C-alpha atoms as a PDB file:
ATOM      1  CA  MET A   1      28.840  -6.672 -60.584  1.00  0.00           C
ATOM      2  CA  THR A   2      32.348  -5.516 -59.784  1.00  0.00           C
ATOM      3  CA  LEU A   3      32.505  -3.667 -56.259  1.00  0.00           C
ATOM      4  CA  PRO A   4      34.578  -0.662 -55.656  1.00  0.00           C
ATOM      5  CA  ASP A   5      37.712  -1.169 -53.781  1.00  0.00           C
ATOM      6  CA  VAL A   6      37.483   0.143 -50.201  1.00  0.00           C
ATOM      7  CA  SER A   7      40.719   1.713 -49.048  1.00  0.00           C
ATOM      8  CA  ALA A   8      41.996   0.965 -45.502  1.00  0.00           C
ATOM      9  CA  SER A   9      41.766   4.677 -44.622  1.00  0.00           C
ATOM     10  CA  VAL A  10      38.120   4.571 -45.441  1.00  0.00           C
ATOM     11  CA  ARG A  11      37.551   1.676 -43.107  1.00  0.00           C
ATOM     12  CA  GLU A  12      39.697   3.314 -40.364  1.00  0.00           C
ATOM     13  CA  PHE A  13      37.789   6.644 -40.645  1.00  0.00           C
ATOM     14  CA  GLY A  14      34.348   4.626 -40.137  1.00  0.00           C
ATOM     15  CA  ARG A  15      35.945   2.757 -37.103  1.00  0.00           C
ATOM     16  CA  GLN A  16      36.848   6.187 -35.907  1.00  0.00           C
ATOM     17  CA  MET A  17      33.301   7.535 -35.972  1.00  0.00           C
ATOM     18  CA  VAL A  18      32.037   4.487 -34.270  1.00  0.00           C
ATOM     19  CA  HIS A  19      34.932   4.907 -31.358  1.00  0.00           C
ATOM     20  CA  ASP A  20      34.182   8.329 -31.090  1.00  0.00           C
ATOM     21  CA  GLU A  21      30.412   8.144 -30.374  1.00  0.00           C
ATOM     22  CA  ALA A  22      31.331   5.230 -28.021  1.00  0.00           C
ATOM     23  CA  ARG A  23      33.364   7.685 -25.932  1.00  0.00           C
ATOM     24  CA  ALA A  24      30.397   9.838 -26.206  1.00  0.00           C
ATOM     25  CA  LEU A  25      28.423   7.192 -24.557  1.00  0.00           C
ATOM     26  CA  ASP A  26      30.730   6.713 -21.762  1.00  0.00           C
ATOM     27  CA  ALA A  27      30.859  10.416 -21.021  1.00  0.00           C
ATOM     28  CA  LEU A  28      27.105  10.466 -20.876  1.00  0.00           C
ATOM     29  CA  ALA A  29      26.904   7.511 -18.540  1.00  0.00           C
ATOM     30  CA  ASP A  30      29.557   9.161 -16.177  1.00  0.00           C
ATOM     31  CA  SER A  31      27.245  12.403 -16.296  1.00  0.00           C
ATOM     32  CA  LEU A  32      24.051  10.890 -15.133  1.00  0.00           C
ATOM     33  CA  GLY A  33      23.115  12.120 -11.630  1.00  0.00           C
ATOM     34  CA  PRO A  34      20.004  12.765  -9.319  1.00  0.00           C
ATOM     35  CA  GLU A  35      18.144  14.384 -12.414  1.00  0.00           C
ATOM     36  CA  PHE A  36      18.040  10.845 -13.775  1.00  0.00           C
ATOM     37  CA  GLU A  37      16.605   9.388 -10.588  1.00  0.00           C
ATOM     38  CA  THR A  38      13.959  12.261 -10.563  1.00  0.00           C
ATOM     39  CA  ALA A  39      12.989  11.294 -14.217  1.00  0.00           C
ATOM     40  CA  VAL A  40      12.538   7.772 -13.432  1.00  0.00           C
ATOM     41  CA  ARG A  41      10.501   8.545 -10.062  1.00  0.00           C
ATOM     42  CA  LEU A  42       8.149  10.761 -12.457  1.00  0.00           C
ATOM     43  CA  LEU A  43       7.755   8.118 -14.795  1.00  0.00           C
ATOM     44  CA  LEU A  44       7.018   5.420 -12.009  1.00  0.00           C
ATOM     45  CA  ASP A  45       4.343   7.783 -10.698  1.00  0.00           C
ATOM     46  CA  CYS A  46       2.808   8.652 -13.945  1.00  0.00           C
ATOM     47  CA  LYS A  47      -0.955   8.023 -13.857  1.00  0.00           C
ATOM     48  CA  GLY A  48      -1.525   8.752 -17.474  1.00  0.00           C
ATOM     49  CA  LYS A  49       0.828   8.283 -20.138  1.00  0.00           C
ATOM     50  CA  LEU A  50       4.127   9.533 -21.428  1.00  0.00           C
ATOM     51  CA  ILE A  51       4.282  12.195 -24.041  1.00  0.00           C
ATOM     52  CA  VAL A  52       7.430  12.165 -26.149  1.00  0.00           C
ATOM     53  CA  SER A  53       7.956  15.178 -28.379  1.00  0.00           C
ATOM     54  CA  GLY A  54      10.739  16.505 -30.510  1.00  0.00           C
ATOM     55  CA  LEU A  55      11.451  17.943 -33.960  1.00  0.00           C
ATOM     56  CA  GLY A  56      13.569  17.146 -36.777  1.00  0.00           C
ATOM     57  CA  LYS A  57      16.213  14.621 -35.855  1.00  0.00           C
ATOM     58  CA  SER A  58      15.118  14.651 -32.438  1.00  0.00           C
ATOM     59  CA  GLY A  59      11.757  13.852 -33.409  1.00  0.00           C
ATOM     60  CA  HIS A  60      12.801  10.775 -35.011  1.00  0.00           C
ATOM     61  CA  ILE A  61      14.642   9.742 -32.108  1.00  0.00           C
ATOM     62  CA  GLY A  62      11.762  10.565 -29.864  1.00  0.00           C
ATOM     63  CA  ARG A  63       9.549   8.316 -32.009  1.00  0.00           C
ATOM     64  CA  LYS A  64      11.778   5.322 -31.222  1.00  0.00           C
ATOM     65  CA  ILE A  65      11.917   6.353 -27.211  1.00  0.00           C
ATOM     66  CA  ALA A  66       7.999   6.516 -27.241  1.00  0.00           C
ATOM     67  CA  ALA A  67       7.921   2.985 -29.091  1.00  0.00           C
ATOM     68  CA  THR A  68      10.462   1.383 -26.517  1.00  0.00           C
ATOM     69  CA  PHE A  69       8.475   2.752 -23.588  1.00  0.00           C
ATOM     70  CA  ALA A  70       5.045   1.508 -25.061  1.00  0.00           C
ATOM     71  CA  SER A  71       6.401  -2.027 -25.503  1.00  0.00           C
ATOM     72  CA  THR A  72       8.096  -2.522 -22.201  1.00  0.00           C
ATOM     73  CA  GLY A  73       5.113  -1.619 -20.011  1.00  0.00           C
ATOM     74  CA  THR A  74       4.768   2.128 -19.960  1.00  0.00           C
ATOM     75  CA  THR A  75       1.880   3.946 -22.144  1.00  0.00           C
ATOM     76  CA  ALA A  76       3.613   6.153 -24.227  1.00  0.00           C
ATOM     77  CA  THR A  77       2.896   8.327 -27.577  1.00  0.00           C
ATOM     78  CA  PHE A  78       4.806  10.534 -29.664  1.00  0.00           C
ATOM     79  CA  LEU A  79       3.972  14.098 -30.140  1.00  0.00           C
ATOM     80  CA  HIS A  80       5.350  16.127 -33.068  1.00  0.00           C
ATOM     81  CA  LEU A  81       6.275  19.692 -32.127  1.00  0.00           C
ATOM     82  CA  ALA A  82       4.942  21.195 -35.247  1.00  0.00           C
ATOM     83  CA  GLU A  83       1.752  19.366 -35.192  1.00  0.00           C
ATOM     84  CA  ALA A  84       1.588  20.314 -31.211  1.00  0.00           C
ATOM     85  CA  ILE A  85       0.869  23.833 -31.753  1.00  0.00           C
ATOM     86  CA  HIS A  86      -1.784  23.329 -34.571  1.00  0.00           C
ATOM     87  CA  GLY A  87      -4.062  21.245 -32.097  1.00  0.00           C
ATOM     88  CA  ASP A  88      -2.536  18.041 -31.200  1.00  0.00           C
ATOM     89  CA  LEU A  89      -1.742  19.584 -27.762  1.00  0.00           C
ATOM     90  CA  GLY A  90      -5.158  18.397 -26.818  1.00  0.00           C
ATOM     91  CA  MET A  91      -3.762  14.784 -26.334  1.00  0.00           C
ATOM     92  CA  ALA A  92      -2.117  16.002 -23.173  1.00  0.00           C
ATOM     93  CA  CYS A  93      -4.024  15.997 -19.711  1.00  0.00           C
ATOM     94  CA  ALA A  94      -3.391  15.933 -16.134  1.00  0.00           C
ATOM     95  CA  GLY A  95      -1.858  12.832 -14.946  1.00  0.00           C
ATOM     96  CA  ASP A  96       0.696  12.684 -18.006  1.00  0.00           C
ATOM     97  CA  VAL A  97       4.367  13.169 -18.091  1.00  0.00           C
ATOM     98  CA  GLY A  98       6.306  14.983 -20.678  1.00  0.00           C
ATOM     99  CA  LEU A  99       9.502  14.219 -22.409  1.00  0.00           C
ATOM    100  CA  LEU A 100      10.810  16.975 -24.534  1.00  0.00           C
ATOM    101  CA  ILE A 101      13.891  16.578 -26.713  1.00  0.00           C
ATOM    102  CA  SER A 102      15.788  19.489 -27.964  1.00  0.00           C
ATOM    103  CA  GLN A 103      19.683  19.747 -28.277  1.00  0.00           C
ATOM    104  CA  SER A 104      19.720  23.759 -28.204  1.00  0.00           C
ATOM    105  CA  GLY A 105      16.450  23.662 -25.907  1.00  0.00           C
ATOM    106  CA  GLU A 106      15.358  26.989 -27.639  1.00  0.00           C
ATOM    107  CA  THR A 107      13.479  25.458 -30.593  1.00  0.00           C
ATOM    108  CA  ALA A 108      10.658  28.086 -31.384  1.00  0.00           C
ATOM    109  CA  GLU A 109       7.812  25.395 -31.338  1.00  0.00           C
ATOM    110  CA  LEU A 110       8.838  24.516 -27.642  1.00  0.00           C
ATOM    111  CA  GLN A 111       7.670  27.603 -25.718  1.00  0.00           C
ATOM    112  CA  PRO A 112       3.848  27.140 -26.298  1.00  0.00           C
ATOM    113  CA  VAL A 113       4.185  23.262 -25.700  1.00  0.00           C
ATOM    114  CA  ILE A 114       5.975  24.070 -22.374  1.00  0.00           C
ATOM    115  CA  ASP A 115       3.364  26.721 -21.580  1.00  0.00           C
ATOM    116  CA  HIS A 116       0.540  24.336 -22.044  1.00  0.00           C
ATOM    117  CA  PHE A 117       1.983  21.523 -20.092  1.00  0.00           C
ATOM    118  CA  GLU A 118       2.684  23.725 -17.090  1.00  0.00           C
ATOM    119  CA  HIS A 119      -0.844  25.093 -17.358  1.00  0.00           C
ATOM    120  CA  ILE A 120      -2.291  21.569 -17.020  1.00  0.00           C
ATOM    121  CA  GLY A 121       0.287  20.291 -14.353  1.00  0.00           C
ATOM    122  CA  VAL A 122       2.144  17.906 -16.753  1.00  0.00           C
ATOM    123  CA  PRO A 123       5.731  17.664 -15.469  1.00  0.00           C
ATOM    124  CA  LEU A 124       8.357  17.876 -17.805  1.00  0.00           C
ATOM    125  CA  ILE A 125      11.796  15.697 -18.628  1.00  0.00           C
ATOM    126  CA  ALA A 126      14.209  17.224 -20.715  1.00  0.00           C
ATOM    127  CA  ILE A 127      16.896  15.813 -22.995  1.00  0.00           C
ATOM    128  CA  THR A 128      18.822  18.820 -24.206  1.00  0.00           C
ATOM    129  CA  GLY A 129      22.481  19.875 -24.551  1.00  0.00           C
ATOM    130  CA  ASN A 130      21.791  23.250 -22.858  1.00  0.00           C
ATOM    131  CA  ALA A 131      20.971  23.222 -19.261  1.00  0.00           C
ATOM    132  CA  ALA A 132      20.586  26.897 -19.286  1.00  0.00           C
ATOM    133  CA  SER A 133      17.812  27.019 -22.134  1.00  0.00           C
ATOM    134  CA  THR A 134      14.021  27.603 -21.844  1.00  0.00           C
ATOM    135  CA  LEU A 135      13.490  24.073 -21.925  1.00  0.00           C
ATOM    136  CA  GLY A 136      16.311  22.877 -19.632  1.00  0.00           C
ATOM    137  CA  GLU A 137      15.221  25.508 -17.081  1.00  0.00           C
ATOM    138  CA  ALA A 138      11.330  24.490 -17.169  1.00  0.00           C
ATOM    139  CA  ALA A 139      11.829  20.816 -16.751  1.00  0.00           C
ATOM    140  CA  ALA A 140      11.691  19.119 -13.392  1.00  0.00           C
ATOM    141  CA  ALA A 141      14.262  16.549 -14.603  1.00  0.00           C
ATOM    142  CA  PRO A 142      16.601  18.223 -16.843  1.00  0.00           C
ATOM    143  CA  LEU A 143      18.902  15.490 -18.611  1.00  0.00           C
ATOM    144  CA  VAL A 144      21.665  17.400 -20.035  1.00  0.00           C
ATOM    145  CA  LEU A 145      23.675  15.725 -22.687  1.00  0.00           C
ATOM    146  CA  PRO A 146      27.753  16.102 -22.261  1.00  0.00           C
ATOM    147  CA  HIS A 147      29.312  18.703 -24.648  1.00  0.00           C
ATOM    148  CA  TRP A 148      30.868  16.416 -27.319  1.00  0.00           C
ATOM    149  CA  PRO A 149      31.311  17.101 -31.020  1.00  0.00           C
ATOM    150  CA  GLU A 150      29.192  15.808 -33.771  1.00  0.00           C
ATOM    151  CA  VAL A 151      31.173  13.309 -35.537  1.00  0.00           C
ATOM    152  CA  GLY A 152      31.760  13.562 -39.258  1.00  0.00           C
ATOM    153  CA  PRO A 153      33.197  15.919 -41.672  1.00  0.00           C
ATOM    154  CA  GLU A 154      32.520  19.680 -40.633  1.00  0.00           C
ATOM    155  CA  ALA A 155      30.496  18.187 -37.692  1.00  0.00           C
ATOM    156  CA  VAL A 156      27.261  19.371 -39.383  1.00  0.00           C
ATOM    157  CA  ALA A 157      24.884  16.503 -39.071  1.00  0.00           C
ATOM    158  CA  PRO A 158      23.494  15.597 -35.669  1.00  0.00           C
ATOM    159  CA  THR A 159      25.236  12.369 -34.835  1.00  0.00           C
ATOM    160  CA  THR A 160      26.735  12.116 -31.502  1.00  0.00           C
ATOM    161  CA  SER A 161      24.139  13.958 -29.922  1.00  0.00           C
ATOM    162  CA  THR A 162      21.071  11.856 -31.631  1.00  0.00           C
ATOM    163  CA  THR A 163      23.182   8.565 -30.307  1.00  0.00           C
ATOM    164  CA  MET A 164      23.333   9.955 -26.776  1.00  0.00           C
ATOM    165  CA  THR A 165      19.709  10.812 -26.887  1.00  0.00           C
ATOM    166  CA  LEU A 166      18.742   7.444 -28.046  1.00  0.00           C
ATOM    167  CA  ALA A 167      20.911   5.856 -25.320  1.00  0.00           C
ATOM    168  CA  LEU A 168      19.487   7.983 -22.564  1.00  0.00           C
ATOM    169  CA  GLY A 169      16.002   7.128 -23.613  1.00  0.00           C
ATOM    170  CA  ASP A 170      16.896   3.416 -23.663  1.00  0.00           C
ATOM    171  CA  ALA A 171      18.378   3.901 -20.038  1.00  0.00           C
ATOM    172  CA  LEU A 172      15.314   5.518 -18.824  1.00  0.00           C
ATOM    173  CA  ALA A 173      12.866   3.039 -20.508  1.00  0.00           C
ATOM    174  CA  MET A 174      15.048  -0.184 -19.228  1.00  0.00           C
ATOM    175  CA  THR A 175      15.038   1.345 -15.872  1.00  0.00           C
ATOM    176  CA  VAL A 176      11.438   2.031 -15.538  1.00  0.00           C
ATOM    177  CA  MET A 177      10.816  -1.425 -16.997  1.00  0.00           C
ATOM    178  CA  ARG A 178      12.967  -3.005 -14.183  1.00  0.00           C
ATOM    179  CA  GLU A 179      11.419  -0.875 -11.440  1.00  0.00           C
ATOM    180  CA  LYS A 180       7.862  -2.065 -12.481  1.00  0.00           C
ATOM    181  CA  GLY A 181       8.932  -5.662 -12.544  1.00  0.00           C
ATOM    182  CA  PHE A 182       7.966  -5.838 -16.214  1.00  0.00           C
ATOM    183  CA  THR A 183       8.822  -9.617 -17.229  1.00  0.00           C
ATOM    184  CA  ARG A 184       9.514 -11.191 -20.430  1.00  0.00           C
ATOM    185  CA  THR A 185       6.111 -12.984 -20.310  1.00  0.00           C
ATOM    186  CA  ASP A 186       4.589  -9.289 -20.015  1.00  0.00           C
ATOM    187  CA  PHE A 187       6.703  -8.360 -22.888  1.00  0.00           C
ATOM    188  CA  GLY A 188       5.683 -11.165 -25.070  1.00  0.00           C
ATOM    189  CA  ARG A 189       1.975 -10.265 -24.488  1.00  0.00           C
ATOM    190  CA  LEU A 190       2.596  -6.856 -26.265  1.00  0.00           C
ATOM    191  CA  HIS A 191       4.758  -8.673 -29.191  1.00  0.00           C
ATOM    192  CA  PRO A 192       2.278 -11.389 -30.299  1.00  0.00           C
ATOM    193  CA  GLY A 193       3.816 -11.369 -33.945  1.00  0.00           C
ATOM    194  CA  GLY A 194       6.802 -12.509 -35.598  1.00  0.00           C
ATOM    195  CA  THR A 195       9.624 -14.692 -34.460  1.00  0.00           C
ATOM    196  CA  LEU A 196      10.015 -12.660 -31.519  1.00  0.00           C
ATOM    197  CA  GLY A 197       6.378 -13.330 -30.575  1.00  0.00           C
ATOM    198  CA  LEU A 198       6.607 -17.072 -31.102  1.00  0.00           C
ATOM    199  CA  ARG A 199       9.524 -17.235 -28.647  1.00  0.00           C
ATOM    200  CA  LEU A 200       7.725 -15.331 -25.961  1.00  0.00           C
ATOM    201  CA  LYS A 201       4.477 -17.566 -25.943  1.00  0.00           C
ATOM    202  CA  PRO A 202       3.863 -19.958 -23.425  1.00  0.00           C
ATOM    203  CA  VAL A 203       4.855 -23.633 -24.389  1.00  0.00           C
ATOM    204  CA  ARG A 204       1.307 -24.748 -24.093  1.00  0.00           C
ATOM    205  CA  ARG A 205       0.457 -22.798 -27.487  1.00  0.00           C
ATOM    206  CA  LEU A 206       3.017 -24.867 -29.610  1.00  0.00           C
ATOM    207  CA  MET A 207       2.964 -28.272 -27.746  1.00  0.00           C
ATOM    208  CA  HIS A 208       1.418 -31.615 -29.001  1.00  0.00           C
ATOM    209  CA  GLY A 209      -1.054 -33.062 -26.633  1.00  0.00           C
ATOM    210  CA  GLY A 210      -4.266 -35.116 -26.455  1.00  0.00           C
ATOM    211  CA  ASP A 211      -4.089 -37.937 -28.963  1.00  0.00           C
ATOM    212  CA  SER A 212      -0.821 -37.056 -30.224  1.00  0.00           C
ATOM    213  CA  LEU A 213       0.927 -37.436 -26.885  1.00  0.00           C
ATOM    214  CA  PRO A 214       3.405 -40.757 -27.248  1.00  0.00           C
ATOM    215  CA  LEU A 215       3.374 -42.465 -23.708  1.00  0.00           C
ATOM    216  CA  ILE A 216       3.765 -46.129 -22.506  1.00  0.00           C
ATOM    217  CA  ARG A 217       4.034 -47.944 -18.997  1.00  0.00           C
ATOM    218  CA  ALA A 218       7.383 -48.371 -17.549  1.00  0.00           C
ATOM    219  CA  ASP A 219       6.464 -52.038 -17.587  1.00  0.00           C
ATOM    220  CA  ALA A 220       5.661 -51.911 -21.448  1.00  0.00           C
ATOM    221  CA  SER A 221       7.944 -54.026 -23.958  1.00  0.00           C
ATOM    222  CA  MET A 222      10.111 -52.229 -26.073  1.00  0.00           C
ATOM    223  CA  HIS A 223       8.305 -53.792 -29.009  1.00  0.00           C
ATOM    224  CA  ASP A 224       5.301 -51.538 -27.810  1.00  0.00           C
ATOM    225  CA  ALA A 225       7.487 -48.519 -27.295  1.00  0.00           C
ATOM    226  CA  ILE A 226       8.850 -48.558 -31.006  1.00  0.00           C
ATOM    227  CA  VAL A 227       5.010 -48.873 -32.001  1.00  0.00           C
ATOM    228  CA  VAL A 228       3.942 -46.009 -30.089  1.00  0.00           C
ATOM    229  CA  MET A 229       7.093 -43.860 -31.176  1.00  0.00           C
ATOM    230  CA  THR A 230       6.614 -44.621 -34.657  1.00  0.00           C
ATOM    231  CA  GLU A 231       2.915 -43.918 -34.746  1.00  0.00           C
ATOM    232  CA  LYS A 232       2.983 -40.655 -33.061  1.00  0.00           C
ATOM    233  CA  ARG A 233       6.184 -39.383 -35.060  1.00  0.00           C
ATOM    234  CA  LEU A 234       7.659 -37.272 -32.380  1.00  0.00           C
ATOM    235  CA  GLY A 235      10.814 -39.089 -32.215  1.00  0.00           C
ATOM    236  CA  LEU A 236      10.459 -40.042 -28.324  1.00  0.00           C
ATOM    237  CA  VAL A 237       8.039 -41.705 -26.053  1.00  0.00           C
ATOM    238  CA  GLY A 238       7.472 -40.928 -22.645  1.00  0.00           C
ATOM    239  CA  VAL A 239       7.615 -43.591 -19.736  1.00  0.00           C
ATOM    240  CA  THR A 240       5.151 -43.321 -16.810  1.00  0.00           C
ATOM    241  CA  ASP A 241       4.605 -45.245 -13.635  1.00  0.00           C
ATOM    242  CA  GLY A 242       1.494 -46.730 -12.532  1.00  0.00           C
ATOM    243  CA  ASP A 243      -0.097 -43.484 -11.148  1.00  0.00           C
ATOM    244  CA  GLY A 244       0.659 -41.812 -14.599  1.00  0.00           C
ATOM    245  CA  ARG A 245       3.629 -39.798 -13.621  1.00  0.00           C
ATOM    246  CA  LEU A 246       6.471 -39.146 -16.355  1.00  0.00           C
ATOM    247  CA  VAL A 247       9.617 -41.225 -14.873  1.00  0.00           C
ATOM    248  CA  GLY A 248      11.562 -41.356 -18.127  1.00  0.00           C
ATOM    249  CA  VAL A 249      11.948 -40.943 -21.728  1.00  0.00           C
ATOM    250  CA  ILE A 250      13.236 -42.834 -24.537  1.00  0.00           C
ATOM    251  CA  THR A 251      14.229 -41.066 -27.876  1.00  0.00           C
ATOM    252  CA  ASP A 252      14.918 -42.480 -31.302  1.00  0.00           C
ATOM    253  CA  GLY A 253      18.611 -41.819 -30.371  1.00  0.00           C
ATOM    254  CA  ASP A 254      18.273 -43.990 -27.323  1.00  0.00           C
ATOM    255  CA  LEU A 255      16.906 -46.775 -29.426  1.00  0.00           C
ATOM    256  CA  ARG A 256      19.813 -46.761 -32.084  1.00  0.00           C
ATOM    257  CA  ARG A 257      22.471 -46.546 -29.579  1.00  0.00           C
ATOM    258  CA  ASN A 258      20.848 -49.492 -27.402  1.00  0.00           C
ATOM    259  CA  ILE A 259      19.596 -51.668 -30.365  1.00  0.00           C
ATOM    260  CA  GLU A 260      22.215 -54.281 -29.639  1.00  0.00           C
ATOM    261  CA  ARG A 261      20.734 -54.747 -26.093  1.00  0.00           C
ATOM    262  CA  GLY A 262      17.616 -56.537 -27.957  1.00  0.00           C
ATOM    263  CA  LEU A 263      14.049 -55.770 -27.707  1.00  0.00           C
ATOM    264  CA  ASP A 264      13.204 -58.273 -24.706  1.00  0.00           C
ATOM    265  CA  LEU A 265      13.451 -55.658 -22.374  1.00  0.00           C
ATOM    266  CA  THR A 266      10.918 -53.280 -20.705  1.00  0.00           C
ATOM    267  CA  ALA A 267      10.734 -49.562 -21.441  1.00  0.00           C
ATOM    268  CA  ALA A 268      12.212 -48.995 -17.998  1.00  0.00           C
ATOM    269  CA  ASP A 269      15.374 -50.699 -19.042  1.00  0.00           C
ATOM    270  CA  TYR A 270      15.804 -48.524 -22.052  1.00  0.00           C
ATOM    271  CA  MET A 271      14.646 -44.971 -20.716  1.00  0.00           C
ATOM    272  CA  THR A 272      16.479 -42.062 -19.528  1.00  0.00           C
ATOM    273  CA  ALA A 273      15.176 -41.361 -15.929  1.00  0.00           C
ATOM    274  CA  ASP A 274      14.519 -37.650 -14.766  1.00  0.00           C
ATOM    275  CA  PRO A 275      14.450 -36.196 -18.304  1.00  0.00           C
ATOM    276  CA  LYS A 276      14.600 -32.618 -19.055  1.00  0.00           C
ATOM    277  CA  VAL A 277      10.915 -31.128 -19.074  1.00  0.00           C
ATOM    278  CA  VAL A 278       9.146 -27.813 -19.212  1.00  0.00           C
ATOM    279  CA  ALA A 279       5.818 -26.582 -17.880  1.00  0.00           C
ATOM    280  CA  PRO A 280       2.825 -25.432 -19.788  1.00  0.00           C
ATOM    281  CA  TYR A 281       3.363 -21.947 -18.919  1.00  0.00           C
ATOM    282  CA  ASP A 282       6.951 -21.797 -19.346  1.00  0.00           C
ATOM    283  CA  LEU A 283       7.884 -19.458 -22.497  1.00  0.00           C
ATOM    284  CA  VAL A 284       9.263 -21.306 -25.671  1.00  0.00           C
ATOM    285  CA  ASP A 285      12.238 -18.988 -25.279  1.00  0.00           C
ATOM    286  CA  ASP A 286      13.211 -21.261 -22.225  1.00  0.00           C
ATOM    287  CA  ALA A 287      12.560 -24.330 -24.049  1.00  0.00           C
ATOM    288  CA  LEU A 288      14.820 -23.160 -26.932  1.00  0.00           C
ATOM    289  CA  ASP A 289      17.622 -22.598 -24.301  1.00  0.00           C
ATOM    290  CA  LEU A 290      17.189 -26.397 -23.106  1.00  0.00           C
ATOM    291  CA  PHE A 291      17.176 -27.505 -26.527  1.00  0.00           C
ATOM    292  CA  GLU A 292      20.486 -25.824 -27.228  1.00  0.00           C
ATOM    293  CA  GLU A 293      22.249 -26.362 -23.823  1.00  0.00           C
ATOM    294  CA  HIS A 294      21.372 -30.208 -23.765  1.00  0.00           C
ATOM    295  CA  ARG A 295      21.426 -30.887 -27.617  1.00  0.00           C
ATOM    296  CA  ILE A 296      18.194 -32.364 -27.447  1.00  0.00           C
ATOM    297  CA  THR A 297      15.179 -31.810 -30.059  1.00  0.00           C
ATOM    298  CA  ALA A 298      12.154 -32.497 -27.960  1.00  0.00           C
ATOM    299  CA  LEU A 299      10.870 -31.938 -24.426  1.00  0.00           C
ATOM    300  CA  PHE A 300       8.027 -33.347 -22.533  1.00  0.00           C
ATOM    301  CA  VAL A 301       5.705 -30.804 -21.064  1.00  0.00           C
ATOM    302  CA  VAL A 302       4.766 -31.472 -17.648  1.00  0.00           C
ATOM    303  CA  ASP A 303       1.928 -30.153 -15.166  1.00  0.00           C
ATOM    304  CA  GLY A 304       3.301 -31.139 -11.826  1.00  0.00           C
ATOM    305  CA  ASP A 305       4.486 -34.317 -12.473  1.00  0.00           C
ATOM    306  CA  ARG A 306       2.006 -35.257 -15.436  1.00  0.00           C
ATOM    307  CA  PRO A 307       2.765 -35.486 -19.083  1.00  0.00           C
ATOM    308  CA  VAL A 308       0.293 -33.128 -21.037  1.00  0.00           C
ATOM    309  CA  GLY A 309       2.293 -32.492 -24.073  1.00  0.00           C
ATOM    310  CA  VAL A 310       5.236 -32.645 -26.193  1.00  0.00           C
ATOM    311  CA  LEU A 311       7.236 -29.463 -27.688  1.00  0.00           C
ATOM    312  CA  HIS A 312       9.273 -30.246 -30.590  1.00  0.00           C
ATOM    313  CA  ILE A 313      12.184 -27.869 -31.859  1.00  0.00           C
ATOM    314  CA  HIS A 314      10.464 -28.203 -35.270  1.00  0.00           C
ATOM    315  CA  ASP A 315       7.542 -26.257 -33.996  1.00  0.00           C
ATOM    316  CA  THR A 316       9.663 -23.433 -32.413  1.00  0.00           C
ATOM    317  CA  PRO A 317      11.087 -20.102 -33.937  1.00  0.00           C
ATOM    318  CA  ALA A 318      14.373 -21.808 -34.237  1.00  0.00           C
ATOM    319  CA  ALA A 319      13.152 -24.159 -36.924  1.00  0.00           C
ATOM    320  CA  ARG A 320      11.451 -20.925 -38.828  1.00  0.00           C
ATOM    321  CA  ALA A 321      14.297 -18.767 -38.655  1.00  0.00           C
END
């Protein structure tokens, strides 16, 4: 298949579109004022759920914003404006917070939604391009987008405005996430599937333990160390003291590098003392950082100073990607 040539002018036009939107985001960042703080406070004080609503392209962006909030510790749902006025307003109740999105702020479907939210005491956050609009004036926290042309020929498609809206939604969600102290561990509980879910699981979920744990005493012979390493097939053996504490590790690489020293030595003579370790409730993602930083392929998992498992890189998302 022969692909058509893409001229330099086409590439340059594409770059210009991205640069224009990036400048709009800079203008948005500079425009944030006390209304942003009010919006964050409303979200932190929310006893119910966040209801995000919009129509058309604003609706598509609103769905993503609601999903981002839901995945970062804030109960959130999306309400389609057109469906709202045909019965779905019933999902709103006292204790909720509304986030309504409309560039003009005058979309016909907005007024009954605003009226209902006011009637039941649901405070409004608005993302709009028109502070003087019906939506802008009804909101407790009107977040007004800077005036910026939509990029593209004839400036007819929502482009810059939707990019700014999405970025503003992300800024709200991430700020609330930080203020709530929502951690990677919390995030992992809400993302149990896929590679991301695996990276955010505790190490204990993927480690080898029990009878598969390769351990020898520090005074054991290297012959015994090789037997255990070969039998357990994890590429390393842990060296323990008389009280069962992990004091060192011997890897198959250590064995190859030191074989000329002979095998008439003890495990303590071969081992690397104070090895890198992780705890059972550390995240797999933290272990992956250690694998990469120290160029190792396996880590002992210790509870205090007692070995309880081995995590091998082949069992992690890095090996499955």
